[in-house]
């Protein structure tokens, strides 16, 4: 985790690393899909542009594979990614059908 302490009793899904079959290959597919989506929607992948989506820890990709949009939210809570402005970037991201168990 990037920032702070996550209480494992209060937030067990955030405190533990996700598990899913073939996680690495599926996370790579999610990364490629997100990069294409964000670039085509005018969202920068660095702080040089606005709007932007910044990944601080690639564990968020594993979370998306294992938990879909819940995994994305857990990654945000864990400080693994940030966005500016958040509502605008979420509008772009939530157009995608990233359900739990992506790629099975």
PDB file of N, CA and C in Angstrom:
ATOM      1  N   UNK A   1       0.831  -1.168   0.000  1.00  0.00           N
ATOM      2  CA  UNK A   1       0.000   0.000   0.000  1.00  0.00           C
ATOM      3  C   UNK A   1       0.885   1.244   0.000  1.00  0.00           C
ATOM      4  N   UNK A   2       0.383   2.274  -0.616  1.00  0.00           N
ATOM      5  CA  UNK A   2       1.183   3.480  -0.752  1.00  0.00           C
ATOM      6  C   UNK A   2       1.089   4.381   0.462  1.00  0.00           C
ATOM      7  N   UNK A   3      -0.117   4.653   0.920  1.00  0.00           N
ATOM      8  CA  UNK A   3      -0.292   5.656   1.965  1.00  0.00           C
ATOM      9  C   UNK A   3      -0.926   5.060   3.211  1.00  0.00           C
ATOM     10  N   UNK A   4      -0.333   5.366   4.346  1.00  0.00           N
ATOM     11  CA  UNK A   4      -0.972   5.118   5.623  1.00  0.00           C
ATOM     12  C   UNK A   4      -1.271   3.680   5.953  1.00  0.00           C
ATOM     13  N   UNK A   5      -1.969   3.543   7.042  1.00  0.00           N
ATOM     14  CA  UNK A   5      -2.342   2.247   7.584  1.00  0.00           C
ATOM     15  C   UNK A   5      -3.799   1.965   7.257  1.00  0.00           C
ATOM     16  N   UNK A   6      -4.075   0.765   6.795  1.00  0.00           N
ATOM     17  CA  UNK A   6      -5.444   0.333   6.533  1.00  0.00           C
ATOM     18  C   UNK A   6      -5.804  -0.694   7.604  1.00  0.00           C
ATOM     19  N   UNK A   7      -6.830  -0.426   8.381  1.00  0.00           N
ATOM     20  CA  UNK A   7      -7.261  -1.340   9.439  1.00  0.00           C
ATOM     21  C   UNK A   7      -7.859  -2.595   8.803  1.00  0.00           C
ATOM     22  N   UNK A   8      -7.188  -3.761   8.967  1.00  0.00           N
ATOM     23  CA  UNK A   8      -7.674  -4.978   8.316  1.00  0.00           C
ATOM     24  C   UNK A   8      -9.000  -5.489   8.867  1.00  0.00           C
ATOM     25  N   UNK A   9      -9.363  -5.111  10.078  1.00  0.00           N
ATOM     26  CA  UNK A   9     -10.658  -5.527  10.612  1.00  0.00           C
ATOM     27  C   UNK A   9     -11.786  -4.682  10.037  1.00  0.00           C
ATOM     28  N   UNK A  10     -11.505  -3.416   9.848  1.00  0.00           N
ATOM     29  CA  UNK A  10     -12.537  -2.519   9.320  1.00  0.00           C
ATOM     30  C   UNK A  10     -12.647  -2.612   7.807  1.00  0.00           C
ATOM     31  N   UNK A  11     -11.514  -2.762   7.124  1.00  0.00           N
ATOM     32  CA  UNK A  11     -11.465  -2.781   5.665  1.00  0.00           C
ATOM     33  C   UNK A  11     -10.685  -4.007   5.165  1.00  0.00           C
ATOM     34  N   UNK A  12     -11.191  -5.219   5.375  1.00  0.00           N
ATOM     35  CA  UNK A  12     -10.423  -6.416   4.993  1.00  0.00           C
ATOM     36  C   UNK A  12     -10.133  -6.498   3.499  1.00  0.00           C
ATOM     37  N   UNK A  13     -11.042  -6.068   2.667  1.00  0.00           N
ATOM     38  CA  UNK A  13     -10.818  -6.112   1.223  1.00  0.00           C
ATOM     39  C   UNK A  13      -9.738  -5.166   0.763  1.00  0.00           C
ATOM     40  N   UNK A  14      -9.536  -4.091   1.491  1.00  0.00           N
ATOM     41  CA  UNK A  14      -8.512  -3.110   1.143  1.00  0.00           C
ATOM     42  C   UNK A  14      -7.155  -3.540   1.694  1.00  0.00           C
ATOM     43  N   UNK A  15      -7.159  -4.164   2.865  1.00  0.00           N
ATOM     44  CA  UNK A  15      -5.908  -4.520   3.538  1.00  0.00           C
ATOM     45  C   UNK A  15      -5.198  -5.709   2.899  1.00  0.00           C
ATOM     46  N   UNK A  16      -5.923  -6.604   2.269  1.00  0.00           N
ATOM     47  CA  UNK A  16      -5.275  -7.800   1.707  1.00  0.00           C
ATOM     48  C   UNK A  16      -5.091  -7.657   0.193  1.00  0.00           C
ATOM     49  N   UNK A  17      -4.057  -8.325  -0.288  1.00  0.00           N
ATOM     50  CA  UNK A  17      -3.793  -8.342  -1.729  1.00  0.00           C
ATOM     51  C   UNK A  17      -4.837  -9.227  -2.407  1.00  0.00           C
ATOM     52  N   UNK A  18      -5.318  -8.826  -3.566  1.00  0.00           N
ATOM     53  CA  UNK A  18      -6.332  -9.622  -4.259  1.00  0.00           C
ATOM     54  C   UNK A  18      -5.762 -10.921  -4.807  1.00  0.00           C
ATOM     55  N   UNK A  19      -6.649 -11.891  -4.993  1.00  0.00           N
ATOM     56  CA  UNK A  19      -6.278 -13.167  -5.589  1.00  0.00           C
ATOM     57  C   UNK A  19      -7.266 -13.488  -6.696  1.00  0.00           C
ATOM     58  N   UNK A  20      -6.733 -13.983  -7.807  1.00  0.00           N
ATOM     59  CA  UNK A  20      -7.575 -14.407  -8.921  1.00  0.00           C
ATOM     60  C   UNK A  20      -6.728 -15.284  -9.834  1.00  0.00           C
ATOM     61  N   UNK A  21      -7.343 -16.231 -10.539  1.00  0.00           N
ATOM     62  CA  UNK A  21      -6.582 -17.065 -11.466  1.00  0.00           C
ATOM     63  C   UNK A  21      -5.953 -16.218 -12.575  1.00  0.00           C
ATOM     64  N   UNK A  22      -4.714 -16.538 -12.923  1.00  0.00           N
ATOM     65  CA  UNK A  22      -3.992 -15.866 -14.017  1.00  0.00           C
ATOM     66  C   UNK A  22      -3.976 -14.352 -13.853  1.00  0.00           C
ATOM     67  N   UNK A  23      -3.794 -13.908 -12.625  1.00  0.00           N
ATOM     68  CA  UNK A  23      -3.881 -12.500 -12.280  1.00  0.00           C
ATOM     69  C   UNK A  23      -2.941 -11.628 -13.112  1.00  0.00           C
ATOM     70  N   UNK A  24      -1.690 -12.032 -13.271  1.00  0.00           N
ATOM     71  CA  UNK A  24      -0.715 -11.202 -13.988  1.00  0.00           C
ATOM     72  C   UNK A  24      -1.106 -10.913 -15.426  1.00  0.00           C
ATOM     73  N   UNK A  25      -1.482 -11.932 -16.172  1.00  0.00           N
ATOM     74  CA  UNK A  25      -1.858 -11.750 -17.578  1.00  0.00           C
ATOM     75  C   UNK A  25      -3.129 -10.929 -17.698  1.00  0.00           C
ATOM     76  N   UNK A  26      -4.074 -11.172 -16.823  1.00  0.00           N
ATOM     77  CA  UNK A  26      -5.328 -10.423 -16.873  1.00  0.00           C
ATOM     78  C   UNK A  26      -5.121  -8.975 -16.451  1.00  0.00           C
ATOM     79  N   UNK A  27      -4.228  -8.732 -15.493  1.00  0.00           N
ATOM     80  CA  UNK A  27      -3.932  -7.356 -15.073  1.00  0.00           C
ATOM     81  C   UNK A  27      -3.281  -6.586 -16.223  1.00  0.00           C
ATOM     82  N   UNK A  28      -2.439  -7.237 -16.989  1.00  0.00           N
ATOM     83  CA  UNK A  28      -1.816  -6.593 -18.154  1.00  0.00           C
ATOM     84  C   UNK A  28      -2.889  -6.201 -19.175  1.00  0.00           C
ATOM     85  N   UNK A  29      -3.871  -7.061 -19.382  1.00  0.00           N
ATOM     86  CA  UNK A  29      -4.962  -6.744 -20.306  1.00  0.00           C
ATOM     87  C   UNK A  29      -5.775  -5.551 -19.791  1.00  0.00           C
ATOM     88  N   UNK A  30      -6.027  -5.499 -18.500  1.00  0.00           N
ATOM     89  CA  UNK A  30      -6.751  -4.370 -17.903  1.00  0.00           C
ATOM     90  C   UNK A  30      -5.951  -3.087 -18.081  1.00  0.00           C
ATOM     91  N   UNK A  31      -4.640  -3.156 -17.833  1.00  0.00           N
ATOM     92  CA  UNK A  31      -3.787  -1.965 -17.997  1.00  0.00           C
ATOM     93  C   UNK A  31      -3.872  -1.433 -19.422  1.00  0.00           C
ATOM     94  N   UNK A  32      -3.750  -2.334 -20.392  1.00  0.00           N
ATOM     95  CA  UNK A  32      -3.829  -1.905 -21.792  1.00  0.00           C
ATOM     96  C   UNK A  32      -5.186  -1.291 -22.114  1.00  0.00           C
ATOM     97  N   UNK A  33      -6.232  -1.912 -21.633  1.00  0.00           N
ATOM     98  CA  UNK A  33      -7.592  -1.410 -21.886  1.00  0.00           C
ATOM     99  C   UNK A  33      -7.798  -0.035 -21.250  1.00  0.00           C
ATOM    100  N   UNK A  34      -7.332   0.123 -20.021  1.00  0.00           N
ATOM    101  CA  UNK A  34      -7.462   1.420 -19.351  1.00  0.00           C
ATOM    102  C   UNK A  34      -6.653   2.499 -20.062  1.00  0.00           C
ATOM    103  N   UNK A  35      -5.429   2.186 -20.446  1.00  0.00           N
ATOM    104  CA  UNK A  35      -4.603   3.176 -21.135  1.00  0.00           C
ATOM    105  C   UNK A  35      -5.250   3.632 -22.431  1.00  0.00           C
ATOM    106  N   UNK A  36      -5.784   2.687 -23.214  1.00  0.00           N
ATOM    107  CA  UNK A  36      -6.459   3.036 -24.469  1.00  0.00           C
ATOM    108  C   UNK A  36      -7.701   3.886 -24.202  1.00  0.00           C
ATOM    109  N   UNK A  37      -8.508   3.479 -23.246  1.00  0.00           N
ATOM    110  CA  UNK A  37      -9.728   4.213 -22.915  1.00  0.00           C
ATOM    111  C   UNK A  37      -9.409   5.634 -22.474  1.00  0.00           C
ATOM    112  N   UNK A  38      -8.471   5.776 -21.551  1.00  0.00           N
ATOM    113  CA  UNK A  38      -8.142   7.094 -21.025  1.00  0.00           C
ATOM    114  C   UNK A  38      -7.549   7.987 -22.098  1.00  0.00           C
ATOM    115  N   UNK A  39      -6.638   7.447 -22.899  1.00  0.00           N
ATOM    116  CA  UNK A  39      -6.025   8.242 -23.970  1.00  0.00           C
ATOM    117  C   UNK A  39      -7.076   8.696 -24.984  1.00  0.00           C
ATOM    118  N   UNK A  40      -7.980   7.803 -25.362  1.00  0.00           N
ATOM    119  CA  UNK A  40      -9.005   8.170 -26.349  1.00  0.00           C
ATOM    120  C   UNK A  40     -10.028   9.155 -25.792  1.00  0.00           C
ATOM    121  N   UNK A  41     -10.096   9.244 -24.468  1.00  0.00           N
ATOM    122  CA  UNK A  41     -11.033  10.168 -23.814  1.00  0.00           C
ATOM    123  C   UNK A  41     -10.367  11.458 -23.360  1.00  0.00           C
ATOM    124  N   UNK A  42      -9.086  11.624 -23.689  1.00  0.00           N
ATOM    125  CA  UNK A  42      -8.380  12.854 -23.340  1.00  0.00           C
ATOM    126  C   UNK A  42      -7.936  12.941 -21.891  1.00  0.00           C
ATOM    127  N   UNK A  43      -7.820  11.803 -21.224  1.00  0.00           N
ATOM    128  CA  UNK A  43      -7.364  11.776 -19.834  1.00  0.00           C
ATOM    129  C   UNK A  43      -5.875  11.437 -19.831  1.00  0.00           C
ATOM    130  N   UNK A  44      -5.065  12.317 -19.246  1.00  0.00           N
ATOM    131  CA  UNK A  44      -3.617  12.122 -19.195  1.00  0.00           C
ATOM    132  C   UNK A  44      -3.264  11.068 -18.151  1.00  0.00           C
ATOM    133  N   UNK A  45      -2.157  10.379 -18.416  1.00  0.00           N
ATOM    134  CA  UNK A  45      -1.650   9.384 -17.466  1.00  0.00           C
ATOM    135  C   UNK A  45      -0.490   9.932 -16.648  1.00  0.00           C
ATOM    136  N   UNK A  46      -0.388  11.246 -16.616  1.00  0.00           N
ATOM    137  CA  UNK A  46       0.620  11.919 -15.785  1.00  0.00           C
ATOM    138  C   UNK A  46       0.003  13.207 -15.262  1.00  0.00           C
ATOM    139  N   UNK A  47       0.678  13.805 -14.299  1.00  0.00           N
ATOM    140  CA  UNK A  47       0.154  15.040 -13.721  1.00  0.00           C
ATOM    141  C   UNK A  47       0.360  16.240 -14.644  1.00  0.00           C
ATOM    142  N   UNK A  48       0.987  16.020 -15.788  1.00  0.00           N
ATOM    143  CA  UNK A  48       1.234  17.118 -16.727  1.00  0.00           C
ATOM    144  C   UNK A  48      -0.041  17.619 -17.394  1.00  0.00           C
ATOM    145  N   UNK A  49      -1.073  16.796 -17.427  1.00  0.00           N
ATOM    146  CA  UNK A  49      -2.320  17.202 -18.076  1.00  0.00           C
ATOM    147  C   UNK A  49      -3.498  17.112 -17.132  1.00  0.00           C
ATOM    148  N   UNK A  50      -4.596  17.739 -17.538  1.00  0.00           N
ATOM    149  CA  UNK A  50      -5.838  17.668 -16.783  1.00  0.00           C
ATOM    150  C   UNK A  50      -6.964  17.469 -17.783  1.00  0.00           C
ATOM    151  N   UNK A  51      -7.837  16.535 -17.565  1.00  0.00           N
ATOM    152  CA  UNK A  51      -7.917  15.619 -16.437  1.00  0.00           C
ATOM    153  C   UNK A  51      -6.789  14.593 -16.481  1.00  0.00           C
ATOM    154  N   UNK A  52      -6.514  13.977 -15.320  1.00  0.00           N
ATOM    155  CA  UNK A  52      -5.476  12.958 -15.284  1.00  0.00           C
ATOM    156  C   UNK A  52      -5.846  11.818 -14.343  1.00  0.00           C
ATOM    157  N   UNK A  53      -5.221  10.683 -14.617  1.00  0.00           N
ATOM    158  CA  UNK A  53      -5.377   9.459 -13.834  1.00  0.00           C
ATOM    159  C   UNK A  53      -3.970   8.986 -13.519  1.00  0.00           C
ATOM    160  N   UNK A  54      -3.608   8.939 -12.236  1.00  0.00           N
ATOM    161  CA  UNK A  54      -2.259   8.582 -11.831  1.00  0.00           C
ATOM    162  C   UNK A  54      -2.277   7.298 -11.007  1.00  0.00           C
ATOM    163  N   UNK A  55      -1.586   6.286 -11.503  1.00  0.00           N
ATOM    164  CA  UNK A  55      -1.446   5.036 -10.761  1.00  0.00           C
ATOM    165  C   UNK A  55      -0.188   5.138  -9.916  1.00  0.00           C
ATOM    166  N   UNK A  56      -0.351   4.984  -8.622  1.00  0.00           N
ATOM    167  CA  UNK A  56       0.788   5.024  -7.685  1.00  0.00           C
ATOM    168  C   UNK A  56       1.289   3.626  -7.354  1.00  0.00           C
ATOM    169  N   UNK A  57       0.405   2.630  -7.492  1.00  0.00           N
ATOM    170  CA  UNK A  57       0.751   1.242  -7.179  1.00  0.00           C
ATOM    171  C   UNK A  57      -0.048   0.347  -8.119  1.00  0.00           C
ATOM    172  N   UNK A  58       0.657  -0.478  -8.890  1.00  0.00           N
ATOM    173  CA  UNK A  58       0.011  -1.356  -9.860  1.00  0.00           C
ATOM    174  C   UNK A  58      -0.911  -2.395  -9.254  1.00  0.00           C
ATOM    175  N   UNK A  59      -0.908  -2.523  -7.934  1.00  0.00           N
ATOM    176  CA  UNK A  59      -1.815  -3.456  -7.273  1.00  0.00           C
ATOM    177  C   UNK A  59      -3.271  -3.137  -7.606  1.00  0.00           C
ATOM    178  N   UNK A  60      -3.567  -1.903  -7.949  1.00  0.00           N
ATOM    179  CA  UNK A  60      -4.940  -1.546  -8.307  1.00  0.00           C
ATOM    180  C   UNK A  60      -5.418  -2.349  -9.521  1.00  0.00           C
ATOM    181  N   UNK A  61      -4.524  -2.675 -10.433  1.00  0.00           N
ATOM    182  CA  UNK A  61      -4.917  -3.471 -11.598  1.00  0.00           C
ATOM    183  C   UNK A  61      -5.336  -4.871 -11.168  1.00  0.00           C
ATOM    184  N   UNK A  62      -4.603  -5.457 -10.225  1.00  0.00           N
ATOM    185  CA  UNK A  62      -4.993  -6.762  -9.687  1.00  0.00           C
ATOM    186  C   UNK A  62      -6.352  -6.669  -8.998  1.00  0.00           C
ATOM    187  N   UNK A  63      -6.572  -5.568  -8.298  1.00  0.00           N
ATOM    188  CA  UNK A  63      -7.864  -5.385  -7.623  1.00  0.00           C
ATOM    189  C   UNK A  63      -9.011  -5.314  -8.634  1.00  0.00           C
ATOM    190  N   UNK A  64      -8.801  -4.638  -9.757  1.00  0.00           N
ATOM    191  CA  UNK A  64      -9.845  -4.550 -10.779  1.00  0.00           C
ATOM    192  C   UNK A  64     -10.128  -5.927 -11.359  1.00  0.00           C
ATOM    193  N   UNK A  65      -9.080  -6.709 -11.628  1.00  0.00           N
ATOM    194  CA  UNK A  65      -9.271  -8.060 -12.151  1.00  0.00           C
ATOM    195  C   UNK A  65     -10.083  -8.898 -11.166  1.00  0.00           C
ATOM    196  N   UNK A  66      -9.715  -8.849  -9.902  1.00  0.00           N
ATOM    197  CA  UNK A  66     -10.361  -9.696  -8.903  1.00  0.00           C
ATOM    198  C   UNK A  66     -11.737  -9.200  -8.486  1.00  0.00           C
ATOM    199  N   UNK A  67     -11.943  -7.865  -8.472  1.00  0.00           N
ATOM    200  CA  UNK A  67     -13.183  -7.344  -7.908  1.00  0.00           C
ATOM    201  C   UNK A  67     -13.952  -6.372  -8.764  1.00  0.00           C
ATOM    202  N   UNK A  68     -13.516  -6.143 -10.001  1.00  0.00           N
ATOM    203  CA  UNK A  68     -14.221  -5.196 -10.851  1.00  0.00           C
ATOM    204  C   UNK A  68     -14.162  -3.793 -10.282  1.00  0.00           C
ATOM    205  N   UNK A  69     -15.274  -3.078 -10.372  1.00  0.00           N
ATOM    206  CA  UNK A  69     -15.283  -1.688  -9.903  1.00  0.00           C
ATOM    207  C   UNK A  69     -15.111  -1.584  -8.398  1.00  0.00           C
ATOM    208  N   UNK A  70     -15.482  -2.613  -7.656  1.00  0.00           N
ATOM    209  CA  UNK A  70     -15.220  -2.612  -6.217  1.00  0.00           C
ATOM    210  C   UNK A  70     -13.711  -2.580  -5.992  1.00  0.00           C
ATOM    211  N   UNK A  71     -12.957  -3.323  -6.797  1.00  0.00           N
ATOM    212  CA  UNK A  71     -11.498  -3.312  -6.711  1.00  0.00           C
ATOM    213  C   UNK A  71     -10.914  -1.944  -7.006  1.00  0.00           C
ATOM    214  N   UNK A  72     -11.490  -1.235  -7.965  1.00  0.00           N
ATOM    215  CA  UNK A  72     -11.032   0.122  -8.259  1.00  0.00           C
ATOM    216  C   UNK A  72     -11.256   1.019  -7.042  1.00  0.00           C
ATOM    217  N   UNK A  73     -12.419   0.905  -6.415  1.00  0.00           N
ATOM    218  CA  UNK A  73     -12.717   1.713  -5.228  1.00  0.00           C
ATOM    219  C   UNK A  73     -11.778   1.353  -4.076  1.00  0.00           C
ATOM    220  N   UNK A  74     -11.513   0.063  -3.886  1.00  0.00           N
ATOM    221  CA  UNK A  74     -10.574  -0.340  -2.839  1.00  0.00           C
ATOM    222  C   UNK A  74      -9.187   0.223  -3.110  1.00  0.00           C
ATOM    223  N   UNK A  75      -8.766   0.219  -4.362  1.00  0.00           N
ATOM    224  CA  UNK A  75      -7.470   0.780  -4.719  1.00  0.00           C
ATOM    225  C   UNK A  75      -7.395   2.270  -4.427  1.00  0.00           C
ATOM    226  N   UNK A  76      -8.487   2.970  -4.640  1.00  0.00           N
ATOM    227  CA  UNK A  76      -8.524   4.402  -4.328  1.00  0.00           C
ATOM    228  C   UNK A  76      -8.381   4.606  -2.820  1.00  0.00           C
ATOM    229  N   UNK A  77      -9.127   3.798  -2.047  1.00  0.00           N
ATOM    230  CA  UNK A  77      -9.062   3.898  -0.590  1.00  0.00           C
ATOM    231  C   UNK A  77      -7.660   3.589  -0.071  1.00  0.00           C
ATOM    232  N   UNK A  78      -6.955   2.677  -0.759  1.00  0.00           N
ATOM    233  CA  UNK A  78      -5.603   2.286  -0.346  1.00  0.00           C
ATOM    234  C   UNK A  78      -4.542   3.264  -0.849  1.00  0.00           C
ATOM    235  N   UNK A  79      -4.939   4.275  -1.622  1.00  0.00           N
ATOM    236  CA  UNK A  79      -3.983   5.255  -2.125  1.00  0.00           C
ATOM    237  C   UNK A  79      -3.195   4.773  -3.325  1.00  0.00           C
ATOM    238  N   UNK A  80      -3.699   3.757  -4.036  1.00  0.00           N
ATOM    239  CA  UNK A  80      -2.978   3.181  -5.170  1.00  0.00           C
ATOM    240  C   UNK A  80      -3.147   3.987  -6.447  1.00  0.00           C
ATOM    241  N   UNK A  81      -4.151   4.845  -6.475  1.00  0.00           N
ATOM    242  CA  UNK A  81      -4.350   5.717  -7.632  1.00  0.00           C
ATOM    243  C   UNK A  81      -5.074   6.981  -7.189  1.00  0.00           C
ATOM    244  N   UNK A  82      -4.985   7.972  -8.039  1.00  0.00           N
ATOM    245  CA  UNK A  82      -5.694   9.221  -7.813  1.00  0.00           C
ATOM    246  C   UNK A  82      -6.092   9.789  -9.167  1.00  0.00           C
ATOM    247  N   UNK A  83      -6.974  10.760  -9.170  1.00  0.00           N
ATOM    248  CA  UNK A  83      -7.415  11.384 -10.414  1.00  0.00           C
ATOM    249  C   UNK A  83      -7.792  12.832 -10.137  1.00  0.00           C
ATOM    250  N   UNK A  84      -7.635  13.658 -11.171  1.00  0.00           N
ATOM    251  CA  UNK A  84      -7.976  15.078 -11.037  1.00  0.00           C
ATOM    252  C   UNK A  84      -8.553  15.591 -12.354  1.00  0.00           C
ATOM    253  N   UNK A  85      -9.749  16.078 -12.327  1.00  0.00           N
ATOM    254  CA  UNK A  85     -10.753  16.030 -11.271  1.00  0.00           C
ATOM    255  C   UNK A  85     -11.384  14.636 -11.212  1.00  0.00           C
ATOM    256  N   UNK A  86     -11.560  14.141 -10.024  1.00  0.00           N
ATOM    257  CA  UNK A  86     -12.051  12.784  -9.812  1.00  0.00           C
ATOM    258  C   UNK A  86     -13.391  12.509 -10.503  1.00  0.00           C
ATOM    259  N   UNK A  87     -14.408  13.357 -10.365  1.00  0.00           N
ATOM    260  CA  UNK A  87     -15.700  13.043 -11.003  1.00  0.00           C
ATOM    261  C   UNK A  87     -15.593  12.902 -12.530  1.00  0.00           C
ATOM    262  N   UNK A  88     -14.800  13.742 -13.149  1.00  0.00           N
ATOM    263  CA  UNK A  88     -14.654  13.676 -14.605  1.00  0.00           C
ATOM    264  C   UNK A  88     -13.974  12.383 -15.042  1.00  0.00           C
ATOM    265  N   UNK A  89     -12.938  11.985 -14.332  1.00  0.00           N
ATOM    266  CA  UNK A  89     -12.230  10.747 -14.670  1.00  0.00           C
ATOM    267  C   UNK A  89     -13.116   9.535 -14.391  1.00  0.00           C
ATOM    268  N   UNK A  90     -13.856   9.551 -13.299  1.00  0.00           N
ATOM    269  CA  UNK A  90     -14.768   8.440 -13.010  1.00  0.00           C
ATOM    270  C   UNK A  90     -15.838   8.296 -14.085  1.00  0.00           C
ATOM    271  N   UNK A  91     -16.308   9.402 -14.637  1.00  0.00           N
ATOM    272  CA  UNK A  91     -17.287   9.322 -15.734  1.00  0.00           C
ATOM    273  C   UNK A  91     -16.714   8.532 -16.908  1.00  0.00           C
ATOM    274  N   UNK A  92     -15.453   8.736 -17.205  1.00  0.00           N
ATOM    275  CA  UNK A  92     -14.793   7.997 -18.291  1.00  0.00           C
ATOM    276  C   UNK A  92     -14.631   6.529 -17.899  1.00  0.00           C
ATOM    277  N   UNK A  93     -14.084   6.279 -16.727  1.00  0.00           N
ATOM    278  CA  UNK A  93     -13.806   4.911 -16.298  1.00  0.00           C
ATOM    279  C   UNK A  93     -15.067   4.068 -16.198  1.00  0.00           C
ATOM    280  N   UNK A  94     -16.118   4.638 -15.654  1.00  0.00           N
ATOM    281  CA  UNK A  94     -17.327   3.852 -15.393  1.00  0.00           C
ATOM    282  C   UNK A  94     -18.139   3.542 -16.637  1.00  0.00           C
ATOM    283  N   UNK A  95     -17.650   3.952 -17.804  1.00  0.00           N
ATOM    284  CA  UNK A  95     -18.292   3.530 -19.053  1.00  0.00           C
ATOM    285  C   UNK A  95     -17.895   2.111 -19.429  1.00  0.00           C
ATOM    286  N   UNK A  96     -16.909   1.546 -18.730  1.00  0.00           N
ATOM    287  CA  UNK A  96     -16.393   0.224 -19.054  1.00  0.00           C
ATOM    288  C   UNK A  96     -17.009  -0.848 -18.169  1.00  0.00           C
ATOM    289  N   UNK A  97     -17.296  -2.026 -18.749  1.00  0.00           N
ATOM    290  CA  UNK A  97     -17.905  -3.098 -17.967  1.00  0.00           C
ATOM    291  C   UNK A  97     -16.867  -3.966 -17.260  1.00  0.00           C
ATOM    292  N   UNK A  98     -16.169  -3.415 -16.264  1.00  0.00           N
ATOM    293  CA  UNK A  98     -15.189  -4.186 -15.504  1.00  0.00           C
ATOM    294  C   UNK A  98     -15.888  -4.878 -14.347  1.00  0.00           C
ATOM    295  N   UNK A  99     -16.433  -6.063 -14.614  1.00  0.00           N
ATOM    296  CA  UNK A  99     -17.109  -6.801 -13.556  1.00  0.00           C
ATOM    297  C   UNK A  99     -16.107  -7.685 -12.821  1.00  0.00           C
ATOM    298  N   UNK A 100     -16.519  -8.132 -11.661  1.00  0.00           N
ATOM    299  CA  UNK A 100     -15.700  -9.050 -10.871  1.00  0.00           C
ATOM    300  C   UNK A 100     -15.359 -10.281 -11.714  1.00  0.00           C
ATOM    301  N   UNK A 101     -14.102 -10.732 -11.598  1.00  0.00           N
ATOM    302  CA  UNK A 101     -13.679 -11.936 -12.328  1.00  0.00           C
ATOM    303  C   UNK A 101     -13.370 -11.639 -13.782  1.00  0.00           C
ATOM    304  N   UNK A 102     -13.028 -10.418 -14.103  1.00  0.00           N
ATOM    305  CA  UNK A 102     -12.758 -10.004 -15.473  1.00  0.00           C
ATOM    306  C   UNK A 102     -11.825 -10.972 -16.195  1.00  0.00           C
ATOM    307  N   UNK A 103     -12.208 -11.360 -17.387  1.00  0.00           N
ATOM    308  CA  UNK A 103     -11.350 -12.183 -18.226  1.00  0.00           C
ATOM    309  C   UNK A 103     -11.470 -13.680 -18.038  1.00  0.00           C
ATOM    310  N   UNK A 104     -12.428 -14.136 -17.260  1.00  0.00           N
ATOM    311  CA  UNK A 104     -12.584 -15.586 -17.080  1.00  0.00           C
ATOM    312  C   UNK A 104     -13.167 -16.214 -18.318  1.00  0.00           C
TER     313      UNK A 104
END
